[in-house]
Protein backbone atom coordinates (compact mmCIF):
# COMPACT_ATOMS: atom_id res chain seq x y z
CA MET A 1 -0.13 -0.14 0.15
CA ASP A 2 1.63 3.35 -0.95
CA GLN A 3 2.63 5.49 2.00
CA ILE A 4 0.89 8.19 1.77
CA THR A 5 -2.51 6.64 1.59
CA SER A 6 -1.25 5.17 4.37
CA THR A 7 -1.32 7.85 6.48
CA PRO A 8 -4.25 8.14 8.71
CA ASN A 9 -3.04 11.80 9.85
CA LEU A 10 -2.78 13.17 5.66
CA GLU A 11 -7.03 14.66 6.21
CA MET A 12 -5.82 16.16 9.98
CA LEU A 13 -2.04 18.02 8.81
CA VAL A 14 -4.83 20.03 5.69
CA LEU A 15 -7.00 21.19 8.43
CA GLU A 16 -4.59 22.23 10.58
CA ILE A 17 -3.83 23.72 7.71
CA GLY A 18 -6.64 25.55 7.16
CA GLN A 19 -7.60 25.85 10.92
CA ASN A 20 -4.03 27.33 12.58
CA LYS A 21 -2.08 28.53 9.13
CA SER A 22 0.05 26.04 10.58
CA LYS A 23 3.03 25.88 9.41
CA ASP A 24 5.10 22.33 10.48
CA ALA A 25 1.17 21.30 8.83
CA PHE A 26 2.50 22.23 5.58
CA GLN A 27 5.72 20.95 5.04
CA ALA A 28 4.70 17.85 6.18
CA VAL A 29 2.20 18.02 3.44
CA PHE A 30 4.27 19.09 1.31
CA GLN A 31 6.37 16.99 1.70
CA HIS A 32 4.20 13.91 1.63
CA ILE A 33 1.80 14.60 -1.47
CA ALA A 34 4.65 17.47 -3.35
CA PRO A 35 7.29 14.54 -5.66
CA ARG A 36 3.53 12.46 -5.95
CA LEU A 37 2.24 15.28 -8.21
CA LYS A 38 5.14 16.63 -9.98
CA GLY A 39 5.68 12.64 -11.17
CA PHE A 40 1.70 13.04 -11.66
CA ALA A 41 2.00 15.84 -13.78
CA MET A 42 4.88 14.49 -15.52
CA ARG A 43 3.32 11.55 -16.10
CA GLN A 44 0.42 13.37 -17.65
CA GLY A 45 3.01 14.59 -20.31
CA THR A 46 4.34 18.33 -19.09
CA ASP A 47 7.51 18.87 -18.92
CA PRO A 48 9.57 18.80 -15.74
CA SER A 49 10.29 21.95 -15.69
CA MET A 50 6.55 23.24 -16.12
CA ALA A 51 5.64 20.69 -13.38
CA GLU A 52 7.87 21.80 -10.45
CA GLU A 53 5.67 25.37 -11.51
CA ILE A 54 2.32 22.85 -11.31
CA VAL A 55 2.97 21.86 -8.26
CA GLN A 56 4.79 24.93 -6.52
CA GLU A 57 1.26 27.27 -7.42
CA THR A 58 -1.14 24.10 -6.37
CA MET A 59 0.19 24.48 -2.94
CA VAL A 60 0.09 27.66 -3.24
CA LYS A 61 -3.51 26.73 -3.29
CA VAL A 62 -3.52 24.20 -0.54
CA TRP A 63 -2.09 26.65 2.10
CA GLN A 64 -4.91 29.28 0.66
CA LYS A 65 -8.12 27.44 0.69
CA ALA A 66 -6.81 24.12 3.35
CA GLU A 67 -9.76 25.88 5.16
CA GLN A 68 -11.89 24.56 2.17
CA PHE A 69 -11.32 21.42 2.03
CA ASP A 70 -14.07 19.00 4.08
CA PRO A 71 -12.63 15.09 4.86
CA SER A 72 -16.61 14.20 4.96
CA LYS A 73 -16.55 14.74 0.43
CA ALA A 74 -12.90 14.20 -1.03
CA SER A 75 -9.29 12.81 1.05
CA ALA A 76 -7.51 15.95 1.32
CA LEU A 77 -5.16 13.61 -0.86
CA THR A 78 -8.09 13.47 -3.93
CA TRP A 79 -9.11 17.28 -2.77
CA VAL A 80 -4.78 18.17 -3.59
CA PHE A 81 -4.76 15.83 -6.58
CA THR A 82 -7.92 18.32 -8.21
CA ILE A 83 -6.52 21.46 -7.73
CA GLY A 84 -3.65 20.27 -9.00
CA ARG A 85 -5.52 19.14 -11.75
CA ASN A 86 -6.91 22.29 -12.36
CA THR A 87 -4.10 24.70 -12.50
CA ARG A 88 -2.37 22.22 -14.82
CA VAL A 89 -5.16 23.91 -17.16
CA ASP A 90 -5.14 26.38 -16.01
CA LEU A 91 -0.96 26.80 -17.16
CA LEU A 92 -1.21 24.95 -19.94
CA ARG A 93 -3.78 27.35 -21.14
CA LYS A 94 -1.39 30.47 -19.92
CA ALA A 95 0.72 28.58 -21.69
CA ASN A 96 -0.68 27.74 -25.42
CA ARG A 97 -2.42 31.66 -25.18
CA PRO A 98 -1.55 33.65 -28.05
CA GLU A 99 1.12 36.64 -27.90
CA PRO A 100 -0.91 39.33 -29.23
CA ASP A 101 0.36 40.77 -32.82
CA MET A 102 0.77 44.68 -32.10
CA SER A 103 1.48 45.41 -36.07
CA ASP A 104 -2.34 44.09 -36.47
CA PRO A 105 -4.79 47.00 -37.69
CA SER A 106 -7.10 46.55 -35.23
CA LEU A 107 -5.07 47.37 -32.03
CA VAL A 108 -3.60 49.44 -33.87
CA PRO A 109 -5.30 52.88 -32.14
CA ASP A 110 -7.43 55.95 -34.88
CA THR A 111 -4.99 58.61 -35.40
CA GLU A 112 -6.09 61.83 -34.56
CA PRO A 113 -7.28 63.69 -37.69
CA LEU A 114 -5.29 66.51 -38.89
CA PRO A 115 -6.65 69.47 -39.32
CA GLN A 116 -7.72 70.30 -42.23
CA GLU A 117 -9.42 66.43 -42.57
CA LEU A 118 -11.66 68.13 -39.82
CA ILE A 119 -12.49 71.57 -42.14
CA SER A 120 -12.84 69.83 -44.75
CA ARG A 121 -15.61 67.41 -42.37
CA ASN A 122 -17.09 70.00 -41.07
CA GLN A 123 -17.60 72.32 -43.81
CA GLU A 124 -19.93 68.81 -45.51
CA ALA A 125 -21.31 68.40 -43.44
CA HIS A 126 -22.76 71.73 -43.60
CA LEU A 127 -23.28 71.28 -47.18
CA LEU A 128 -25.67 67.60 -46.05
CA ARG A 129 -27.61 69.46 -43.29
CA GLU A 130 -28.29 72.35 -46.60
CA VAL A 131 -29.39 69.71 -49.40
CA LEU A 132 -31.58 67.68 -47.17
CA SER A 133 -33.48 71.31 -45.70
CA LYS A 134 -33.77 71.96 -49.75
CA LEU A 135 -36.18 68.51 -49.50
CA PRO A 136 -39.80 68.31 -49.46
CA SER A 137 -40.46 67.35 -45.90
CA GLU A 138 -42.04 64.11 -46.46
CA GLN A 139 -38.61 63.06 -47.93
CA GLN A 140 -36.74 64.67 -45.38
CA LYS A 141 -38.94 62.81 -42.67
CA VAL A 142 -37.89 59.32 -44.33
CA LEU A 143 -34.88 59.94 -44.46
CA HIS A 144 -35.04 60.86 -41.22
CA LEU A 145 -36.08 57.59 -40.00
CA ALA A 146 -34.28 55.15 -41.85
CA PHE A 147 -30.56 56.95 -41.81
CA PHE A 148 -30.79 58.96 -38.16
CA GLU A 149 -33.00 56.86 -36.25
CA ASP A 150 -32.00 53.72 -38.39
CA LYS A 151 -35.77 51.72 -38.82
CA PRO A 152 -36.38 49.16 -41.11
CA HIS A 153 -38.83 50.74 -44.20
CA ARG A 154 -42.25 48.89 -43.01
CA GLN A 155 -42.47 50.63 -39.28
CA ILE A 156 -41.90 54.47 -41.09
CA ALA A 157 -44.61 52.79 -43.12
CA SER A 158 -45.80 51.65 -40.12
CA GLU A 159 -45.67 54.96 -38.64
CA LEU A 160 -45.64 57.46 -41.40
CA GLY A 161 -49.65 54.85 -42.12
CA ILE A 162 -48.21 55.01 -45.92
CA PRO A 163 -47.87 52.29 -47.93
CA LEU A 164 -44.73 50.88 -48.22
CA GLY A 165 -43.29 51.41 -51.78
CA THR A 166 -44.15 55.35 -51.18
CA VAL A 167 -41.46 55.08 -48.28
CA LYS A 168 -39.08 53.47 -50.41
CA SER A 169 -40.41 56.32 -53.48
CA ARG A 170 -39.41 58.84 -51.02
CA ILE A 171 -36.00 57.87 -50.06
CA ARG A 172 -34.90 56.89 -53.73
CA LEU A 173 -36.66 60.60 -54.71
CA ALA A 174 -34.11 62.44 -52.43
CA MET A 175 -31.84 59.95 -52.81
CA ASP A 176 -31.71 61.52 -56.93
CA ALA A 177 -31.88 64.66 -55.48
CA ILE A 178 -29.08 64.40 -52.53
CA ARG A 179 -27.36 63.42 -55.63
CA LYS A 180 -28.14 66.65 -58.30
CA ILE A 181 -27.91 69.02 -55.26
CA TYR A 182 -24.61 68.63 -54.00
CA GLY A 183 -22.89 67.03 -57.10
CA GLU A 184 -23.51 71.20 -58.06
CA ALA A 185 -22.62 72.18 -54.92
CA LEU A 186 -19.17 70.49 -55.64
CA CYS A 187 -18.33 71.99 -58.61
CA ALA A 188 -19.87 75.14 -58.48
């Protein structure tokens, strides 16, 4: 029979760690379990240096969480090995997590627009407001609902009490007028 399973005081040692933060009890648990936990990790395909890390992380968690140990739910050995297995999984996930590519355009912050760009945008926005103000009010209303409130055509038709085809026609007519007026304004 394995020495650790025949050790009747392993549960008591973990309880002592949890209740009194006993360093002597922790040392005894560490001496009994650490070599077996490292061997277990290595049999799972873990390299020796990571197996050592698993042991260290596991034993830190045993120290921190010993008050949570309940001998009626599991033996101390099972409890510690469960912590060790979970620690191994966490460390493997962390080791296999890809490093972010800092040259990825999605990670590069947007640059502030140049003053000329801001002026140009403001001028275009002012021109667009002027063009929209020249449209008939029915077309303005439909465009506002469709593009500024992002409402579907059916909902616009329902809200305004007009047929769906009329909504689509007003949008098409408004867009044609905008293209014509905006194009003339740009050429002027």
